[in-house]
Amino acid sequence: MKYTITGDNLQFVNVEFNPGEVMYSDAGSMVYMSGNVRMEAKVSGGLLKGLKRTLTGESFFVTNFYADGGPGLVGFAGQVPGKVQALDLRGGKQWILQKSAFLAAEQAVDLDIAFQKRFGAALFGGEGFVLQSLKGEGTVFINACGDFIEYNLQPGQMMKVSTAHTVAWESSVSYDIQAVGGVKTALFGGEGLFVTTLRGPGRVILQSMTLAKLANSLIPFLPKNDSGGIRIGV
């Protein structure tokens, strides 16, 4: 399997794979494919795995892609303006993702759910109770809103992150929340009451913009109807 990631803030991942290799993606992620590629919707991992995926915002089914008679090409893109990044899981690596960050993967990658270990982090950390867990001997592609920046935290090194800006982190990274400080800072600092804390060792991927912030920034510019509500369509 070979791939390239193209574009700026509305990126594609272009995957070239051979007969015998299988790619799978969340339903609706495929944008184009070569004529010899065949796709098939499946409940990957059985009924329980399908139900688990729905808890993270993914579809019950995944779409498998097969190349017939020679190398095939598939282009995948996310549902939001943002970045696509590849994660190599080979060597026993395991990553935790914000829900709905999964885009596509090789068949050897196992997509499952993970739960927040701390109740406070689930309530105030911005990622919710249910996350996505990825492991296996293959490559996975993730997508989220905004631009990405990656840090490799050393053992004991901590980073404080604004709520919901954490896209993915290795399972060795400890994830929790922390109060921002005094009452004045919490009320007028613009960052809310809590920040996410990430403690190494391990890699973390952060995003510059969340989907919620993007939606809120567009609301003042959307047309209104006579009652003051937002008007959709012409």
Protein backbone atom coordinates (compact mmCIF):
# COMPACT_ATOMS: atom_id res chain seq x y z
CA MET A 1 0.00 0.00 0.00
CA LYS A 2 1.26 3.46 -0.97
CA TYR A 3 -0.37 6.80 -0.27
CA THR A 4 -0.07 10.54 -0.77
CA ILE A 5 -1.91 13.31 1.06
CA THR A 6 -2.81 16.26 -1.15
CA GLY A 7 -4.47 19.61 -0.62
CA ASP A 8 -4.20 22.28 2.04
CA ASN A 9 -7.18 22.62 4.39
CA LEU A 10 -9.56 20.32 2.49
CA GLN A 11 -7.27 17.35 2.12
CA PHE A 12 -7.49 14.04 0.29
CA VAL A 13 -5.56 10.88 1.03
CA ASN A 14 -4.89 9.01 -2.22
CA VAL A 15 -4.27 5.30 -1.55
CA GLU A 16 -2.79 2.89 -4.09
CA PHE A 17 -3.09 -0.78 -3.12
CA ASN A 18 -2.63 -4.17 -4.75
CA PRO A 19 -4.90 -7.19 -5.25
CA GLY A 20 -5.04 -9.13 -1.99
CA GLU A 21 -4.77 -5.95 0.08
CA VAL A 22 -7.96 -4.52 1.57
CA MET A 23 -8.73 -0.97 2.68
CA TYR A 24 -11.76 -0.02 4.75
CA SER A 25 -13.32 3.30 5.64
CA ASP A 26 -16.25 4.85 7.43
CA ALA A 27 -19.31 4.97 5.17
CA GLY A 28 -19.30 8.04 2.95
CA SER A 29 -15.54 8.77 3.11
CA MET A 30 -14.73 7.60 -0.43
CA VAL A 31 -14.54 10.43 -2.99
CA TYR A 32 -13.25 8.58 -6.05
CA MET A 33 -11.77 5.23 -7.06
CA SER A 34 -10.24 3.63 -10.14
CA GLY A 35 -12.41 1.44 -12.36
CA ASN A 36 -10.96 -1.84 -11.09
CA VAL A 37 -11.75 -1.14 -7.43
CA ARG A 38 -14.73 -2.95 -5.95
CA MET A 39 -16.39 -1.84 -2.72
CA GLU A 40 -18.61 -3.75 -0.33
CA ALA A 41 -20.40 -2.60 2.85
CA LYS A 42 -19.85 -4.92 5.81
CA VAL A 43 -20.45 -5.04 9.54
CA SER A 44 -16.74 -5.41 10.26
CA GLY A 45 -16.06 -7.44 13.41
CA GLY A 46 -19.67 -8.53 13.76
CA LEU A 47 -22.77 -7.05 15.35
CA LEU A 48 -21.09 -5.95 18.60
CA LYS A 49 -18.30 -4.06 16.83
CA GLY A 50 -20.89 -2.36 14.60
CA LEU A 51 -22.87 -1.21 17.63
CA LYS A 52 -19.68 0.04 19.28
CA ARG A 53 -18.84 2.15 16.22
CA THR A 54 -22.20 3.90 16.38
CA LEU A 55 -21.38 5.04 19.93
CA THR A 56 -18.41 7.02 18.57
CA GLY A 57 -20.41 8.69 15.83
CA GLU A 58 -19.27 6.35 13.05
CA SER A 59 -21.64 4.30 10.89
CA PHE A 60 -22.80 0.79 11.77
CA PHE A 61 -21.27 -0.48 8.53
CA VAL A 62 -17.78 0.04 7.13
CA THR A 63 -16.95 -0.04 3.43
CA ASN A 64 -14.29 -2.49 2.24
CA PHE A 65 -12.31 -1.77 -0.94
CA TYR A 66 -10.73 -4.48 -3.12
CA ALA A 67 -8.50 -4.10 -6.19
CA ASP A 68 -9.21 -6.55 -9.04
CA GLY A 69 -6.68 -7.38 -11.77
CA GLY A 70 -4.01 -4.86 -10.77
CA PRO A 71 -3.23 -1.95 -8.46
CA GLY A 72 -6.25 0.10 -7.43
CA LEU A 73 -6.60 3.73 -6.38
CA VAL A 74 -9.04 5.20 -3.85
CA GLY A 75 -9.32 8.79 -2.65
CA PHE A 76 -10.72 9.47 0.82
CA ALA A 77 -11.70 12.80 2.37
CA GLY A 78 -13.21 13.89 5.67
CA GLN A 79 -16.55 15.54 6.37
CA VAL A 80 -15.08 18.81 7.67
CA PRO A 81 -12.50 21.35 6.41
CA GLY A 82 -9.28 20.20 7.97
CA LYS A 83 -6.30 17.89 7.81
CA VAL A 84 -5.67 14.22 7.11
CA GLN A 85 -2.79 12.44 8.84
CA ALA A 86 -1.41 8.91 8.62
CA LEU A 87 -0.53 6.92 11.75
CA ASP A 88 1.68 3.84 11.49
CA LEU A 89 0.58 1.39 14.18
CA ARG A 90 3.19 -1.26 13.50
CA GLY A 91 5.23 -2.45 16.45
CA GLY A 92 2.38 -2.65 18.94
CA LYS A 93 1.47 1.04 18.95
CA GLN A 94 -2.02 1.99 20.11
CA TRP A 95 -3.72 5.35 19.61
CA ILE A 96 -6.79 6.93 21.18
CA LEU A 97 -8.82 9.31 18.99
CA GLN A 98 -11.57 11.82 19.54
CA LYS A 99 -14.80 10.27 18.31
CA SER A 100 -15.40 10.55 14.53
CA ALA A 101 -11.69 11.18 13.76
CA PHE A 102 -11.28 7.83 11.99
CA LEU A 103 -11.19 8.09 8.18
CA ALA A 104 -9.77 4.89 6.64
CA ALA A 105 -7.30 2.10 7.36
CA GLU A 106 -5.65 -1.07 6.16
CA GLN A 107 -7.48 -4.28 7.02
CA ALA A 108 -4.88 -5.17 9.67
CA VAL A 109 -5.96 -2.17 11.79
CA ASP A 110 -8.54 -2.87 14.49
CA LEU A 111 -10.98 -0.03 15.23
CA ASP A 112 -12.67 -0.25 18.62
CA ILE A 113 -14.03 2.03 21.32
CA ALA A 114 -12.35 3.28 24.48
CA PHE A 115 -13.88 4.90 27.53
CA GLN A 116 -12.61 7.84 29.53
CA LYS A 117 -10.99 6.54 32.70
CA ARG A 118 -11.79 9.64 34.73
CA PHE A 119 -15.33 10.95 35.17
CA GLY A 120 -14.24 14.60 35.25
CA ALA A 121 -12.29 14.30 32.01
CA ALA A 122 -15.35 12.80 30.32
CA LEU A 123 -17.62 15.62 31.50
CA PHE A 124 -15.35 18.64 31.03
CA GLY A 125 -12.50 17.55 28.74
CA GLY A 126 -14.49 18.09 25.54
CA GLU A 127 -14.05 14.58 24.11
CA GLY A 128 -16.99 12.85 25.83
CA PHE A 129 -17.20 9.45 27.53
CA VAL A 130 -16.63 7.35 24.40
CA LEU A 131 -13.46 7.58 22.29
CA GLN A 132 -11.97 5.53 19.46
CA SER A 133 -9.13 3.04 19.95
CA LEU A 134 -6.83 1.89 17.14
CA LYS A 135 -4.24 -0.88 17.11
CA GLY A 136 -2.81 -3.40 14.66
CA GLU A 137 -0.01 -3.92 12.18
CA GLY A 138 -0.99 -1.34 9.58
CA THR A 139 -1.60 2.30 8.71
CA VAL A 140 -4.66 4.34 9.62
CA PHE A 141 -5.73 7.76 8.35
CA ILE A 142 -7.40 10.26 10.66
CA ASN A 143 -9.18 13.54 9.91
CA ALA A 144 -10.31 16.50 11.99
CA CYS A 145 -11.12 20.20 11.63
CA GLY A 146 -8.37 22.84 11.32
CA ASP A 147 -4.61 22.41 11.08
CA PHE A 148 -2.63 19.82 13.05
CA ILE A 149 0.46 20.09 15.21
CA GLU A 150 2.19 17.12 16.81
CA TYR A 151 4.28 16.90 19.98
CA ASN A 152 6.28 14.01 21.40
CA LEU A 153 5.96 14.33 25.18
CA GLN A 154 8.79 13.00 27.33
CA PRO A 155 8.10 10.95 30.49
CA GLY A 156 6.39 13.21 33.02
CA GLN A 157 6.19 16.16 30.61
CA MET A 158 2.76 17.82 30.71
CA MET A 159 0.93 19.98 28.20
CA LYS A 160 -2.26 21.96 28.86
CA VAL A 161 -4.66 22.12 25.93
CA SER A 162 -7.84 24.13 25.38
CA THR A 163 -10.97 21.99 25.63
CA ALA A 164 -11.66 19.63 22.68
CA HIS A 165 -8.49 20.56 20.74
CA THR A 166 -6.90 17.12 21.27
CA VAL A 167 -7.34 14.97 18.15
CA ALA A 168 -5.31 11.87 19.04
CA TRP A 169 -2.78 10.58 21.54
CA GLU A 170 -0.81 7.40 22.10
CA SER A 171 -2.24 5.11 24.78
CA SER A 172 0.84 5.73 26.95
CA VAL A 173 -0.23 9.39 27.39
CA SER A 174 -2.27 10.22 30.50
CA TYR A 175 -5.37 12.32 29.78
CA ASP A 176 -7.11 14.43 32.44
CA ILE A 177 -8.50 17.92 33.13
CA GLN A 178 -7.40 20.81 35.33
CA ALA A 179 -9.10 23.99 36.52
CA VAL A 180 -7.76 27.07 34.71
CA GLY A 181 -7.14 29.10 37.87
CA GLY A 182 -9.02 31.79 39.75
CA VAL A 183 -12.64 32.84 39.25
CA LYS A 184 -11.68 35.94 37.24
CA THR A 185 -9.57 33.90 34.82
CA ALA A 186 -12.33 31.31 34.43
CA LEU A 187 -15.02 33.94 33.75
CA PHE A 188 -13.10 36.39 31.57
CA GLY A 189 -10.14 34.47 30.15
CA GLY A 190 -12.20 33.01 27.31
CA GLU A 191 -10.98 29.44 27.85
CA GLY A 192 -13.75 28.14 30.13
CA LEU A 193 -13.39 26.54 33.55
CA PHE A 194 -11.09 23.66 32.60
CA VAL A 195 -8.22 22.75 30.30
CA THR A 196 -7.17 19.29 29.16
CA THR A 197 -3.89 17.99 30.57
CA LEU A 198 -1.75 15.51 28.64
CA ARG A 199 1.19 13.86 30.39
CA GLY A 200 3.87 11.86 28.59
CA PRO A 201 5.47 9.75 27.47
CA GLY A 202 3.98 9.61 23.99
CA ARG A 203 2.89 11.51 20.92
CA VAL A 204 -0.12 13.81 20.82
CA ILE A 205 -1.85 15.53 17.88
CA LEU A 206 -3.67 18.82 18.43
CA GLN A 207 -5.99 20.79 16.15
CA SER A 208 -6.15 24.55 15.63
CA MET A 209 -9.94 24.65 15.21
CA THR A 210 -12.77 22.48 16.52
CA LEU A 211 -15.94 21.87 14.55
CA ALA A 212 -18.02 23.52 17.30
CA LYS A 213 -15.92 26.70 17.16
CA LEU A 214 -16.13 26.76 13.36
CA ALA A 215 -19.93 26.43 13.49
CA ASN A 216 -20.23 29.18 16.12
CA SER A 217 -18.06 31.54 14.08
CA LEU A 218 -20.38 31.13 11.06
CA ILE A 219 -23.68 31.72 12.88
CA PRO A 220 -23.54 35.58 12.71
CA PHE A 221 -23.21 35.39 8.92
CA LEU A 222 -26.07 32.97 8.24
CA PRO A 223 -29.33 34.43 6.84
CA LYS A 224 -32.18 34.83 9.32
CA ASN A 225 -35.90 34.33 8.76
CA ASP A 226 -38.60 36.75 9.94
CA SER A 227 -38.83 35.12 13.38
CA GLY A 228 -35.08 35.50 13.96
CA GLY A 229 -34.20 31.83 13.35
CA ILE A 230 -31.53 30.68 10.95
CA ARG A 231 -32.83 30.10 7.42
CA ILE A 232 -31.49 27.09 5.53
CA GLY A 233 -31.66 27.15 1.74
CA VAL A 234 -32.94 29.89 -0.58
